[in-house]
Amino acid sequence: MVTLSEDRRSYTPEEKVRLVAETLRPGASVQGVSRRHGVCSSLLHRWRRDARAAARGPGGAMPRVLPVRLMTPEVAEAAEASGNAADGGAPPIEIVLRNGRVLRASPATDPAVLARLALALEA
């Protein structure tokens, strides 16, 4: 007779992203991450598969690669104030996602790309 365990663990989206990212590091393996964190390897494989599907977006097409510039909030404010934004002076748009993350992009960014990025960041 098989019974379900009472101590089934649930993982937050942030934990899933962190663990999947750890499996993608050079030299890392799903088995190693699984053992280190006490997570079933098949669960990690499923999360990786789900992440790839979410990255593909609707229709199964892989998203285009966009140039990204990482800035601290102070540097971003200074660039905005001086008019040196990435697209010639137009301030970036900010999208606050349901999970509290903020997506900043140029107003010239393709809306479909923004939608796929928002989906991936909310996963």
PDB file of N, CA and C in Angstrom:
ATOM      1  N   MET A   1       0.839  -1.180   0.000  1.00  0.00           N
ATOM      2  CA  MET A   1       0.000   0.000   0.000  1.00  0.00           C
ATOM      3  C   MET A   1       0.883   1.242   0.000  1.00  0.00           C
ATOM      4  N   VAL A   2       0.566   2.208  -0.876  1.00  0.00           N
ATOM      5  CA  VAL A   2       1.331   3.440  -0.979  1.00  0.00           C
ATOM      6  C   VAL A   2       0.532   4.561  -0.333  1.00  0.00           C
ATOM      7  N   THR A   3       1.179   5.327   0.524  1.00  0.00           N
ATOM      8  CA  THR A   3       0.515   6.471   1.144  1.00  0.00           C
ATOM      9  C   THR A   3       1.312   7.726   0.844  1.00  0.00           C
ATOM     10  N   LEU A   4       0.630   8.846   0.795  1.00  0.00           N
ATOM     11  CA  LEU A   4       1.297  10.119   0.570  1.00  0.00           C
ATOM     12  C   LEU A   4       1.880  10.618   1.879  1.00  0.00           C
ATOM     13  N   SER A   5       3.002  11.248   1.779  1.00  0.00           N
ATOM     14  CA  SER A   5       3.648  11.804   2.954  1.00  0.00           C
ATOM     15  C   SER A   5       2.910  13.046   3.424  1.00  0.00           C
ATOM     16  N   GLU A   6       2.829  13.217   4.715  1.00  0.00           N
ATOM     17  CA  GLU A   6       2.165  14.387   5.282  1.00  0.00           C
ATOM     18  C   GLU A   6       3.037  15.633   5.185  1.00  0.00           C
ATOM     19  N   ASP A   7       4.327  15.461   5.013  1.00  0.00           N
ATOM     20  CA  ASP A   7       5.233  16.603   5.017  1.00  0.00           C
ATOM     21  C   ASP A   7       5.644  17.031   3.600  1.00  0.00           C
ATOM     22  N   ARG A   8       4.692  17.033   2.711  1.00  0.00           N
ATOM     23  CA  ARG A   8       4.949  17.472   1.333  1.00  0.00           C
ATOM     24  C   ARG A   8       5.308  18.948   1.354  1.00  0.00           C
ATOM     25  N   ARG A   9       6.385  19.297   0.717  1.00  0.00           N
ATOM     26  CA  ARG A   9       6.895  20.662   0.742  1.00  0.00           C
ATOM     27  C   ARG A   9       6.394  21.422  -0.464  1.00  0.00           C
ATOM     28  N   SER A  10       6.081  22.692  -0.274  1.00  0.00           N
ATOM     29  CA  SER A  10       5.734  23.532  -1.418  1.00  0.00           C
ATOM     30  C   SER A  10       6.828  24.584  -1.563  1.00  0.00           C
ATOM     31  N   TYR A  11       7.110  24.964  -2.787  1.00  0.00           N
ATOM     32  CA  TYR A  11       8.211  25.881  -3.076  1.00  0.00           C
ATOM     33  C   TYR A  11       7.658  27.170  -3.667  1.00  0.00           C
ATOM     34  N   THR A  12       8.232  28.292  -3.257  1.00  0.00           N
ATOM     35  CA  THR A  12       7.827  29.587  -3.810  1.00  0.00           C
ATOM     36  C   THR A  12       8.417  29.717  -5.214  1.00  0.00           C
ATOM     37  N   PRO A  13       7.849  30.584  -6.041  1.00  0.00           N
ATOM     38  CA  PRO A  13       8.433  30.797  -7.371  1.00  0.00           C
ATOM     39  C   PRO A  13       9.900  31.243  -7.292  1.00  0.00           C
ATOM     40  N   GLU A  14      10.234  32.037  -6.279  1.00  0.00           N
ATOM     41  CA  GLU A  14      11.620  32.493  -6.134  1.00  0.00           C
ATOM     42  C   GLU A  14      12.557  31.324  -5.844  1.00  0.00           C
ATOM     43  N   GLU A  15      12.106  30.385  -5.001  1.00  0.00           N
ATOM     44  CA  GLU A  15      12.916  29.205  -4.705  1.00  0.00           C
ATOM     45  C   GLU A  15      13.113  28.362  -5.967  1.00  0.00           C
ATOM     46  N   LYS A  16      12.051  28.203  -6.742  1.00  0.00           N
ATOM     47  CA  LYS A  16      12.154  27.418  -7.975  1.00  0.00           C
ATOM     48  C   LYS A  16      13.154  28.050  -8.929  1.00  0.00           C
ATOM     49  N   VAL A  17      13.062  29.371  -9.109  1.00  0.00           N
ATOM     50  CA  VAL A  17      13.980  30.073 -10.009  1.00  0.00           C
ATOM     51  C   VAL A  17      15.416  29.913  -9.524  1.00  0.00           C
ATOM     52  N   ARG A  18      15.630  30.068  -8.208  1.00  0.00           N
ATOM     53  CA  ARG A  18      16.973  29.958  -7.648  1.00  0.00           C
ATOM     54  C   ARG A  18      17.553  28.565  -7.869  1.00  0.00           C
ATOM     55  N   LEU A  19      16.740  27.524  -7.624  1.00  0.00           N
ATOM     56  CA  LEU A  19      17.227  26.154  -7.781  1.00  0.00           C
ATOM     57  C   LEU A  19      17.477  25.813  -9.250  1.00  0.00           C
ATOM     58  N   VAL A  20      16.578  26.235 -10.143  1.00  0.00           N
ATOM     59  CA  VAL A  20      16.793  25.984 -11.575  1.00  0.00           C
ATOM     60  C   VAL A  20      18.046  26.712 -12.043  1.00  0.00           C
ATOM     61  N   ALA A  21      18.225  27.956 -11.612  1.00  0.00           N
ATOM     62  CA  ALA A  21      19.422  28.708 -11.998  1.00  0.00           C
ATOM     63  C   ALA A  21      20.683  28.001 -11.509  1.00  0.00           C
ATOM     64  N   GLU A  22      20.612  27.433 -10.322  1.00  0.00           N
ATOM     65  CA  GLU A  22      21.776  26.708  -9.788  1.00  0.00           C
ATOM     66  C   GLU A  22      22.115  25.502 -10.658  1.00  0.00           C
ATOM     67  N   THR A  23      21.097  24.828 -11.211  1.00  0.00           N
ATOM     68  CA  THR A  23      21.370  23.670 -12.071  1.00  0.00           C
ATOM     69  C   THR A  23      22.004  24.076 -13.396  1.00  0.00           C
ATOM     70  N   LEU A  24      21.870  25.346 -13.770  1.00  0.00           N
ATOM     71  CA  LEU A  24      22.388  25.814 -15.056  1.00  0.00           C
ATOM     72  C   LEU A  24      23.801  26.380 -14.970  1.00  0.00           C
ATOM     73  N   ARG A  25      24.349  26.464 -13.764  1.00  0.00           N
ATOM     74  CA  ARG A  25      25.709  26.979 -13.598  1.00  0.00           C
ATOM     75  C   ARG A  25      26.714  25.992 -14.197  1.00  0.00           C
ATOM     76  N   PRO A  26      27.824  26.516 -14.723  1.00  0.00           N
ATOM     77  CA  PRO A  26      28.841  25.622 -15.274  1.00  0.00           C
ATOM     78  C   PRO A  26      29.324  24.626 -14.221  1.00  0.00           C
ATOM     79  N   GLY A  27      29.369  23.365 -14.592  1.00  0.00           N
ATOM     80  CA  GLY A  27      29.831  22.317 -13.710  1.00  0.00           C
ATOM     81  C   GLY A  27      28.779  21.767 -12.760  1.00  0.00           C
ATOM     82  N   ALA A  28      27.603  22.413 -12.713  1.00  0.00           N
ATOM     83  CA  ALA A  28      26.541  21.945 -11.811  1.00  0.00           C
ATOM     84  C   ALA A  28      25.755  20.829 -12.483  1.00  0.00           C
ATOM     85  N   SER A  29      25.117  20.005 -11.661  1.00  0.00           N
ATOM     86  CA  SER A  29      24.256  18.956 -12.190  1.00  0.00           C
ATOM     87  C   SER A  29      22.941  18.968 -11.424  1.00  0.00           C
ATOM     88  N   VAL A  30      21.903  18.475 -12.077  1.00  0.00           N
ATOM     89  CA  VAL A  30      20.605  18.380 -11.427  1.00  0.00           C
ATOM     90  C   VAL A  30      20.712  17.485 -10.206  1.00  0.00           C
ATOM     91  N   GLN A  31      21.425  16.377 -10.331  1.00  0.00           N
ATOM     92  CA  GLN A  31      21.578  15.444  -9.207  1.00  0.00           C
ATOM     93  C   GLN A  31      22.268  16.105  -8.015  1.00  0.00           C
ATOM     94  N   GLY A  32      23.319  16.870  -8.287  1.00  0.00           N
ATOM     95  CA  GLY A  32      24.053  17.539  -7.217  1.00  0.00           C
ATOM     96  C   GLY A  32      23.184  18.557  -6.484  1.00  0.00           C
ATOM     97  N   VAL A  33      22.460  19.364  -7.238  1.00  0.00           N
ATOM     98  CA  VAL A  33      21.572  20.370  -6.641  1.00  0.00           C
ATOM     99  C   VAL A  33      20.467  19.661  -5.869  1.00  0.00           C
ATOM    100  N   SER A  34      19.955  18.584  -6.446  1.00  0.00           N
ATOM    101  CA  SER A  34      18.902  17.803  -5.804  1.00  0.00           C
ATOM    102  C   SER A  34      19.353  17.300  -4.431  1.00  0.00           C
ATOM    103  N   ARG A  35      20.533  16.711  -4.378  1.00  0.00           N
ATOM    104  CA  ARG A  35      21.044  16.184  -3.104  1.00  0.00           C
ATOM    105  C   ARG A  35      21.320  17.298  -2.098  1.00  0.00           C
ATOM    106  N   ARG A  36      21.922  18.398  -2.572  1.00  0.00           N
ATOM    107  CA  ARG A  36      22.281  19.491  -1.684  1.00  0.00           C
ATOM    108  C   ARG A  36      21.074  20.124  -1.000  1.00  0.00           C
ATOM    109  N   HIS A  37      19.967  20.216  -1.738  1.00  0.00           N
ATOM    110  CA  HIS A  37      18.797  20.927  -1.219  1.00  0.00           C
ATOM    111  C   HIS A  37      17.645  20.005  -0.821  1.00  0.00           C
ATOM    112  N   GLY A  38      17.836  18.695  -0.983  1.00  0.00           N
ATOM    113  CA  GLY A  38      16.783  17.758  -0.601  1.00  0.00           C
ATOM    114  C   GLY A  38      15.540  17.858  -1.466  1.00  0.00           C
ATOM    115  N   VAL A  39      15.749  18.132  -2.745  1.00  0.00           N
ATOM    116  CA  VAL A  39      14.645  18.239  -3.697  1.00  0.00           C
ATOM    117  C   VAL A  39      14.735  17.066  -4.658  1.00  0.00           C
ATOM    118  N   CYS A  40      13.618  16.474  -4.962  1.00  0.00           N
ATOM    119  CA  CYS A  40      13.588  15.350  -5.897  1.00  0.00           C
ATOM    120  C   CYS A  40      14.105  15.812  -7.266  1.00  0.00           C
ATOM    121  N   SER A  41      15.013  15.034  -7.847  1.00  0.00           N
ATOM    122  CA  SER A  41      15.600  15.437  -9.133  1.00  0.00           C
ATOM    123  C   SER A  41      14.551  15.530 -10.238  1.00  0.00           C
ATOM    124  N   SER A  42      13.525  14.679 -10.189  1.00  0.00           N
ATOM    125  CA  SER A  42      12.491  14.758 -11.232  1.00  0.00           C
ATOM    126  C   SER A  42      11.728  16.075 -11.136  1.00  0.00           C
ATOM    127  N   LEU A  43      11.603  16.622  -9.925  1.00  0.00           N
ATOM    128  CA  LEU A  43      10.946  17.907  -9.746  1.00  0.00           C
ATOM    129  C   LEU A  43      11.792  19.022 -10.363  1.00  0.00           C
ATOM    130  N   LEU A  44      13.099  18.960 -10.149  1.00  0.00           N
ATOM    131  CA  LEU A  44      13.987  19.950 -10.769  1.00  0.00           C
ATOM    132  C   LEU A  44      13.936  19.858 -12.292  1.00  0.00           C
ATOM    133  N   HIS A  45      13.900  18.645 -12.822  1.00  0.00           N
ATOM    134  CA  HIS A  45      13.795  18.485 -14.278  1.00  0.00           C
ATOM    135  C   HIS A  45      12.487  19.096 -14.791  1.00  0.00           C
ATOM    136  N   ARG A  46      11.399  18.891 -14.057  1.00  0.00           N
ATOM    137  CA  ARG A  46      10.112  19.465 -14.475  1.00  0.00           C
ATOM    138  C   ARG A  46      10.180  20.996 -14.449  1.00  0.00           C
ATOM    139  N   TRP A  47      10.761  21.580 -13.402  1.00  0.00           N
ATOM    140  CA  TRP A  47      10.866  23.039 -13.326  1.00  0.00           C
ATOM    141  C   TRP A  47      11.727  23.581 -14.456  1.00  0.00           C
ATOM    142  N   ARG A  48      12.793  22.873 -14.807  1.00  0.00           N
ATOM    143  CA  ARG A  48      13.632  23.312 -15.929  1.00  0.00           C
ATOM    144  C   ARG A  48      12.848  23.272 -17.237  1.00  0.00           C
ATOM    145  N   ARG A  49      12.074  22.200 -17.449  1.00  0.00           N
ATOM    146  CA  ARG A  49      11.244  22.066 -18.650  1.00  0.00           C
ATOM    147  C   ARG A  49      10.204  23.186 -18.703  1.00  0.00           C
ATOM    148  N   ASP A  50       9.563  23.465 -17.554  1.00  0.00           N
ATOM    149  CA  ASP A  50       8.569  24.539 -17.489  1.00  0.00           C
ATOM    150  C   ASP A  50       9.203  25.899 -17.782  1.00  0.00           C
ATOM    151  N   ALA A  51      10.415  26.117 -17.270  1.00  0.00           N
ATOM    152  CA  ALA A  51      11.103  27.385 -17.516  1.00  0.00           C
ATOM    153  C   ALA A  51      11.429  27.554 -18.997  1.00  0.00           C
ATOM    154  N   ARG A  52      11.870  26.464 -19.633  1.00  0.00           N
ATOM    155  CA  ARG A  52      12.147  26.545 -21.080  1.00  0.00           C
ATOM    156  C   ARG A  52      10.872  26.837 -21.862  1.00  0.00           C
ATOM    157  N   ALA A  53       9.765  26.202 -21.483  1.00  0.00           N
ATOM    158  CA  ALA A  53       8.493  26.438 -22.177  1.00  0.00           C
ATOM    159  C   ALA A  53       8.030  27.875 -21.979  1.00  0.00           C
ATOM    160  N   ALA A  54       8.193  28.401 -20.763  1.00  0.00           N
ATOM    161  CA  ALA A  54       7.790  29.785 -20.496  1.00  0.00           C
ATOM    162  C   ALA A  54       8.664  30.758 -21.276  1.00  0.00           C
ATOM    163  N   ALA A  55       9.949  30.436 -21.425  1.00  0.00           N
ATOM    164  CA  ALA A  55      10.850  31.311 -22.172  1.00  0.00           C
ATOM    165  C   ALA A  55      10.499  31.330 -23.652  1.00  0.00           C
ATOM    166  N   ARG A  56       9.971  30.214 -24.149  1.00  0.00           N
ATOM    167  CA  ARG A  56       9.594  30.164 -25.563  1.00  0.00           C
ATOM    168  C   ARG A  56       8.385  31.050 -25.837  1.00  0.00           C
ATOM    169  N   GLY A  57       7.498  31.157 -24.893  1.00  0.00           N
ATOM    170  CA  GLY A  57       6.320  31.991 -25.061  1.00  0.00           C
ATOM    171  C   GLY A  57       5.270  31.312 -25.913  1.00  0.00           C
ATOM    172  N   PRO A  58       4.192  32.046 -26.210  1.00  0.00           N
ATOM    173  CA  PRO A  58       3.111  31.476 -27.011  1.00  0.00           C
ATOM    174  C   PRO A  58       3.603  31.100 -28.407  1.00  0.00           C
ATOM    175  N   GLY A  59       3.144  29.981 -28.892  1.00  0.00           N
ATOM    176  CA  GLY A  59       3.515  29.549 -30.238  1.00  0.00           C
ATOM    177  C   GLY A  59       4.819  28.781 -30.295  1.00  0.00           C
ATOM    178  N   GLY A  60       5.536  28.677 -29.180  1.00  0.00           N
ATOM    179  CA  GLY A  60       6.752  27.886 -29.140  1.00  0.00           C
ATOM    180  C   GLY A  60       7.986  28.542 -29.718  1.00  0.00           C
ATOM    181  N   ALA A  61       7.905  29.818 -30.094  1.00  0.00           N
ATOM    182  CA  ALA A  61       9.070  30.491 -30.664  1.00  0.00           C
ATOM    183  C   ALA A  61       9.985  30.977 -29.551  1.00  0.00           C
ATOM    184  N   MET A  62      11.285  30.813 -29.748  1.00  0.00           N
ATOM    185  CA  MET A  62      12.242  31.310 -28.765  1.00  0.00           C
ATOM    186  C   MET A  62      12.262  32.832 -28.846  1.00  0.00           C
ATOM    187  N   PRO A  63      12.369  33.491 -27.694  1.00  0.00           N
ATOM    188  CA  PRO A  63      12.394  34.957 -27.702  1.00  0.00           C
ATOM    189  C   PRO A  63      13.682  35.473 -28.320  1.00  0.00           C
ATOM    190  N   ARG A  64      13.600  36.689 -28.836  1.00  0.00           N
ATOM    191  CA  ARG A  64      14.792  37.328 -29.366  1.00  0.00           C
ATOM    192  C   ARG A  64      15.667  37.755 -28.200  1.00  0.00           C
ATOM    193  N   VAL A  65      16.950  37.803 -28.442  1.00  0.00           N
ATOM    194  CA  VAL A  65      17.874  38.266 -27.422  1.00  0.00           C
ATOM    195  C   VAL A  65      17.937  39.787 -27.517  1.00  0.00           C
ATOM    196  N   LEU A  66      17.751  40.431 -26.385  1.00  0.00           N
ATOM    197  CA  LEU A  66      17.800  41.882 -26.332  1.00  0.00           C
ATOM    198  C   LEU A  66      19.033  42.328 -25.568  1.00  0.00           C
ATOM    199  N   PRO A  67      19.624  43.449 -25.973  1.00  0.00           N
ATOM    200  CA  PRO A  67      20.746  43.959 -25.185  1.00  0.00           C
ATOM    201  C   PRO A  67      20.217  44.453 -23.839  1.00  0.00           C
ATOM    202  N   VAL A  68      20.922  44.109 -22.789  1.00  0.00           N
ATOM    203  CA  VAL A  68      20.498  44.498 -21.443  1.00  0.00           C
ATOM    204  C   VAL A  68      21.662  45.191 -20.764  1.00  0.00           C
ATOM    205  N   ARG A  69      21.343  46.262 -20.078  1.00  0.00           N
ATOM    206  CA  ARG A  69      22.349  46.982 -19.315  1.00  0.00           C
ATOM    207  C   ARG A  69      21.879  47.015 -17.864  1.00  0.00           C
ATOM    208  N   LEU A  70      22.650  46.426 -16.967  1.00  0.00           N
ATOM    209  CA  LEU A  70      22.281  46.406 -15.561  1.00  0.00           C
ATOM    210  C   LEU A  70      22.833  47.649 -14.884  1.00  0.00           C
ATOM    211  N   MET A  71      21.974  48.311 -14.115  1.00  0.00           N
ATOM    212  CA  MET A  71      22.385  49.515 -13.414  1.00  0.00           C
ATOM    213  C   MET A  71      21.854  49.490 -11.996  1.00  0.00           C
ATOM    214  N   THR A  72      22.595  50.105 -11.109  1.00  0.00           N
ATOM    215  CA  THR A  72      22.074  50.305  -9.762  1.00  0.00           C
ATOM    216  C   THR A  72      21.019  51.404  -9.855  1.00  0.00           C
ATOM    217  N   PRO A  73      20.107  51.492  -8.892  1.00  0.00           N
ATOM    218  CA  PRO A  73      19.102  52.568  -8.940  1.00  0.00           C
ATOM    219  C   PRO A  73      19.730  53.956  -9.032  1.00  0.00           C
ATOM    220  N   GLU A  74      20.864  54.154  -8.355  1.00  0.00           N
ATOM    221  CA  GLU A  74      21.516  55.471  -8.379  1.00  0.00           C
ATOM    222  C   GLU A  74      22.017  55.813  -9.782  1.00  0.00           C
ATOM    223  N   VAL A  75      22.616  54.843 -10.452  1.00  0.00           N
ATOM    224  CA  VAL A  75      23.124  55.071 -11.810  1.00  0.00           C
ATOM    225  C   VAL A  75      21.966  55.323 -12.766  1.00  0.00           C
ATOM    226  N   ALA A  76      20.866  54.574 -12.618  1.00  0.00           N
ATOM    227  CA  ALA A  76      19.698  54.764 -13.479  1.00  0.00           C
ATOM    228  C   ALA A  76      19.111  56.155 -13.305  1.00  0.00           C
ATOM    229  N   GLU A  77      19.013  56.617 -12.042  1.00  0.00           N
ATOM    230  CA  GLU A  77      18.487  57.962 -11.794  1.00  0.00           C
ATOM    231  C   GLU A  77      19.390  59.023 -12.400  1.00  0.00           C
ATOM    232  N   ALA A  78      20.703  58.848 -12.276  1.00  0.00           N
ATOM    233  CA  ALA A  78      21.649  59.814 -12.840  1.00  0.00           C
ATOM    234  C   ALA A  78      21.540  59.848 -14.361  1.00  0.00           C
ATOM    235  N   ALA A  79      21.385  58.675 -14.994  1.00  0.00           N
ATOM    236  CA  ALA A  79      21.252  58.626 -16.456  1.00  0.00           C
ATOM    237  C   ALA A  79      19.967  59.309 -16.904  1.00  0.00           C
ATOM    238  N   GLU A  80      18.883  59.079 -16.159  1.00  0.00           N
ATOM    239  CA  GLU A  80      17.612  59.734 -16.493  1.00  0.00           C
ATOM    240  C   GLU A  80      17.730  61.235 -16.360  1.00  0.00           C
ATOM    241  N   ALA A  81      18.338  61.686 -15.265  1.00  0.00           N
ATOM    242  CA  ALA A  81      18.454  63.117 -15.002  1.00  0.00           C
ATOM    243  C   ALA A  81      19.299  63.818 -16.062  1.00  0.00           C
ATOM    244  N   SER A  82      20.332  63.143 -16.556  1.00  0.00           N
ATOM    245  CA  SER A  82      21.203  63.763 -17.549  1.00  0.00           C
ATOM    246  C   SER A  82      20.700  63.573 -18.978  1.00  0.00           C
ATOM    247  N   GLY A  83      19.619  62.792 -19.144  1.00  0.00           N
ATOM    248  CA  GLY A  83      19.071  62.574 -20.489  1.00  0.00           C
ATOM    249  C   GLY A  83      19.845  61.554 -21.290  1.00  0.00           C
ATOM    250  N   ASN A  84      20.653  60.727 -20.632  1.00  0.00           N
ATOM    251  CA  ASN A  84      21.455  59.720 -21.328  1.00  0.00           C
ATOM    252  C   ASN A  84      20.791  58.359 -21.291  1.00  0.00           C
ATOM    253  N   ALA A  85      19.510  58.294 -21.442  1.00  0.00           N
ATOM    254  CA  ALA A  85      18.820  57.001 -21.442  1.00  0.00           C
ATOM    255  C   ALA A  85      19.238  56.212 -22.670  1.00  0.00           C
ATOM    256  N   ALA A  86      19.011  54.921 -22.650  1.00  0.00           N
ATOM    257  CA  ALA A  86      19.494  54.017 -23.702  1.00  0.00           C
ATOM    258  C   ALA A  86      18.944  54.357 -25.081  1.00  0.00           C
ATOM    259  N   ASP A  87      17.769  54.971 -25.171  1.00  0.00           N
ATOM    260  CA  ASP A  87      17.188  55.222 -26.493  1.00  0.00           C
ATOM    261  C   ASP A  87      17.201  56.700 -26.851  1.00  0.00           C
ATOM    262  N   GLY A  88      18.223  57.431 -26.413  1.00  0.00           N
ATOM    263  CA  GLY A  88      18.372  58.807 -26.843  1.00  0.00           C
ATOM    264  C   GLY A  88      17.626  59.807 -25.992  1.00  0.00           C
ATOM    265  N   GLY A  89      17.286  59.505 -24.784  1.00  0.00           N
ATOM    266  CA  GLY A  89      16.700  60.503 -23.909  1.00  0.00           C
ATOM    267  C   GLY A  89      15.321  60.185 -23.393  1.00  0.00           C
ATOM    268  N   ALA A  90      14.587  59.291 -24.043  1.00  0.00           N
ATOM    269  CA  ALA A  90      13.250  58.959 -23.551  1.00  0.00           C
ATOM    270  C   ALA A  90      13.393  58.127 -22.287  1.00  0.00           C
ATOM    271  N   PRO A  91      12.687  58.491 -21.226  1.00  0.00           N
ATOM    272  CA  PRO A  91      12.807  57.716 -19.991  1.00  0.00           C
ATOM    273  C   PRO A  91      12.239  56.314 -20.171  1.00  0.00           C
ATOM    274  N   PRO A  92      12.799  55.346 -19.443  1.00  0.00           N
ATOM    275  CA  PRO A  92      12.294  53.980 -19.575  1.00  0.00           C
ATOM    276  C   PRO A  92      10.898  53.847 -18.984  1.00  0.00           C
ATOM    277  N   ILE A  93      10.157  52.879 -19.491  1.00  0.00           N
ATOM    278  CA  ILE A  93       8.859  52.585 -18.885  1.00  0.00           C
ATOM    279  C   ILE A  93       9.094  51.545 -17.797  1.00  0.00           C
ATOM    280  N   GLU A  94       8.273  51.590 -16.760  1.00  0.00           N
ATOM    281  CA  GLU A  94       8.396  50.638 -15.668  1.00  0.00           C
ATOM    282  C   GLU A  94       7.109  49.842 -15.569  1.00  0.00           C
ATOM    283  N   ILE A  95       7.261  48.529 -15.475  1.00  0.00           N
ATOM    284  CA  ILE A  95       6.118  47.639 -15.313  1.00  0.00           C
ATOM    285  C   ILE A  95       6.308  46.919 -13.993  1.00  0.00           C
ATOM    286  N   VAL A  96       5.401  47.146 -13.041  1.00  0.00           N
ATOM    287  CA  VAL A  96       5.469  46.465 -11.758  1.00  0.00           C
ATOM    288  C   VAL A  96       4.682  45.162 -11.886  1.00  0.00           C
ATOM    289  N   LEU A  97       5.370  44.043 -11.707  1.00  0.00           N
ATOM    290  CA  LEU A  97       4.752  42.737 -11.859  1.00  0.00           C
ATOM    291  C   LEU A  97       4.027  42.337 -10.585  1.00  0.00           C
ATOM    292  N   ARG A  98       3.161  41.344 -10.691  1.00  0.00           N
ATOM    293  CA  ARG A  98       2.378  40.893  -9.534  1.00  0.00           C
ATOM    294  C   ARG A  98       3.245  40.421  -8.379  1.00  0.00           C
ATOM    295  N   ASN A  99       4.433  39.898  -8.679  1.00  0.00           N
ATOM    296  CA  ASN A  99       5.301  39.387  -7.616  1.00  0.00           C
ATOM    297  C   ASN A  99       6.185  40.480  -7.020  1.00  0.00           C
ATOM    298  N   GLY A 100       5.965  41.737  -7.437  1.00  0.00           N
ATOM    299  CA  GLY A 100       6.703  42.862  -6.873  1.00  0.00           C
ATOM    300  C   GLY A 100       7.944  43.257  -7.655  1.00  0.00           C
ATOM    301  N   ARG A 101       8.377  42.433  -8.590  1.00  0.00           N
ATOM    302  CA  ARG A 101       9.533  42.781  -9.407  1.00  0.00           C
ATOM    303  C   ARG A 101       9.164  43.921 -10.347  1.00  0.00           C
ATOM    304  N   VAL A 102      10.166  44.693 -10.736  1.00  0.00           N
ATOM    305  CA  VAL A 102       9.945  45.815 -11.633  1.00  0.00           C
ATOM    306  C   VAL A 102      10.705  45.557 -12.929  1.00  0.00           C
ATOM    307  N   LEU A 103      10.012  45.636 -14.041  1.00  0.00           N
ATOM    308  CA  LEU A 103      10.609  45.465 -15.360  1.00  0.00           C
ATOM    309  C   LEU A 103      10.712  46.851 -15.978  1.00  0.00           C
ATOM    310  N   ARG A 104      11.922  47.282 -16.299  1.00  0.00           N
ATOM    311  CA  ARG A 104      12.140  48.581 -16.941  1.00  0.00           C
ATOM    312  C   ARG A 104      12.605  48.331 -18.366  1.00  0.00           C
ATOM    313  N   ALA A 105      12.025  49.066 -19.300  1.00  0.00           N
ATOM    314  CA  ALA A 105      12.385  48.869 -20.702  1.00  0.00           C
ATOM    315  C   ALA A 105      12.253  50.179 -21.457  1.00  0.00           C
ATOM    316  N   SER A 106      12.899  50.230 -22.583  1.00  0.00           N
ATOM    317  CA  SER A 106      12.797  51.381 -23.475  1.00  0.00           C
ATOM    318  C   SER A 106      11.385  51.426 -24.064  1.00  0.00           C
ATOM    319  N   PRO A 107      10.856  52.626 -24.277  1.00  0.00           N
ATOM    320  CA  PRO A 107       9.535  52.722 -24.916  1.00  0.00           C
ATOM    321  C   PRO A 107       9.522  52.108 -26.318  1.00  0.00           C
ATOM    322  N   ALA A 108      10.692  51.943 -26.926  1.00  0.00           N
ATOM    323  CA  ALA A 108      10.762  51.377 -28.271  1.00  0.00           C
ATOM    324  C   ALA A 108      10.744  49.846 -28.270  1.00  0.00           C
ATOM    325  N   THR A 109      10.757  49.223 -27.092  1.00  0.00           N
ATOM    326  CA  THR A 109      10.781  47.758 -27.009  1.00  0.00           C
ATOM    327  C   THR A 109       9.474  47.174 -27.521  1.00  0.00           C
ATOM    328  N   ASP A 110       9.585  46.120 -28.289  1.00  0.00           N
ATOM    329  CA  ASP A 110       8.423  45.434 -28.847  1.00  0.00           C
ATOM    330  C   ASP A 110       7.509  44.946 -27.713  1.00  0.00           C
ATOM    331  N   PRO A 111       6.218  45.297 -27.730  1.00  0.00           N
ATOM    332  CA  PRO A 111       5.295  44.873 -26.671  1.00  0.00           C
ATOM    333  C   PRO A 111       5.216  43.352 -26.499  1.00  0.00           C
ATOM    334  N   ALA A 112       5.349  42.599 -27.570  1.00  0.00           N
ATOM    335  CA  ALA A 112       5.309  41.136 -27.464  1.00  0.00           C
ATOM    336  C   ALA A 112       6.513  40.623 -26.673  1.00  0.00           C
ATOM    337  N   VAL A 113       7.662  41.245 -26.867  1.00  0.00           N
ATOM    338  CA  VAL A 113       8.861  40.865 -26.124  1.00  0.00           C
ATOM    339  C   VAL A 113       8.668  41.193 -24.645  1.00  0.00           C
ATOM    340  N   LEU A 114       8.098  42.371 -24.369  1.00  0.00           N
ATOM    341  CA  LEU A 114       7.834  42.748 -22.975  1.00  0.00           C
ATOM    342  C   LEU A 114       6.884  41.756 -22.309  1.00  0.00           C
ATOM    343  N   ALA A 115       5.877  41.324 -23.033  1.00  0.00           N
ATOM    344  CA  ALA A 115       4.908  40.370 -22.478  1.00  0.00           C
ATOM    345  C   ALA A 115       5.593  39.050 -22.124  1.00  0.00           C
ATOM    346  N   ARG A 116       6.483  38.575 -23.018  1.00  0.00           N
ATOM    347  CA  ARG A 116       7.196  37.326 -22.731  1.00  0.00           C
ATOM    348  C   ARG A 116       8.140  37.481 -21.547  1.00  0.00           C
ATOM    349  N   LEU A 117       8.817  38.635 -21.462  1.00  0.00           N
ATOM    350  CA  LEU A 117       9.708  38.891 -20.330  1.00  0.00           C
ATOM    351  C   LEU A 117       8.917  38.919 -19.024  1.00  0.00           C
ATOM    352  N   ALA A 118       7.762  39.581 -19.037  1.00  0.00           N
ATOM    353  CA  ALA A 118       6.929  39.661 -17.836  1.00  0.00           C
ATOM    354  C   ALA A 118       6.490  38.265 -17.411  1.00  0.00           C
ATOM    355  N   LEU A 119       6.082  37.446 -18.367  1.00  0.00           N
ATOM    356  CA  LEU A 119       5.684  36.073 -18.050  1.00  0.00           C
ATOM    357  C   LEU A 119       6.820  35.290 -17.416  1.00  0.00           C
ATOM    358  N   ALA A 120       8.005  35.418 -17.991  1.00  0.00           N
ATOM    359  CA  ALA A 120       9.161  34.680 -17.476  1.00  0.00           C
ATOM    360  C   ALA A 120       9.547  35.157 -16.076  1.00  0.00           C
ATOM    361  N   LEU A 121       9.474  36.465 -15.839  1.00  0.00           N
ATOM    362  CA  LEU A 121       9.851  36.990 -14.546  1.00  0.00           C
ATOM    363  C   LEU A 121       8.829  36.700 -13.459  1.00  0.00           C
ATOM    364  N   GLU A 122       7.601  36.466 -13.845  1.00  0.00           N
ATOM    365  CA  GLU A 122       6.566  36.156 -12.868  1.00  0.00           C
ATOM    366  C   GLU A 122       6.522  34.667 -12.535  1.00  0.00           C
ATOM    367  N   ALA A 123       7.221  33.844 -13.310  1.00  0.00           N
ATOM    368  CA  ALA A 123       7.212  32.388 -13.073  1.00  0.00           C
ATOM    369  C   ALA A 123       7.861  32.025 -11.777  1.00  0.00           C
TER     370      ALA A 123
END
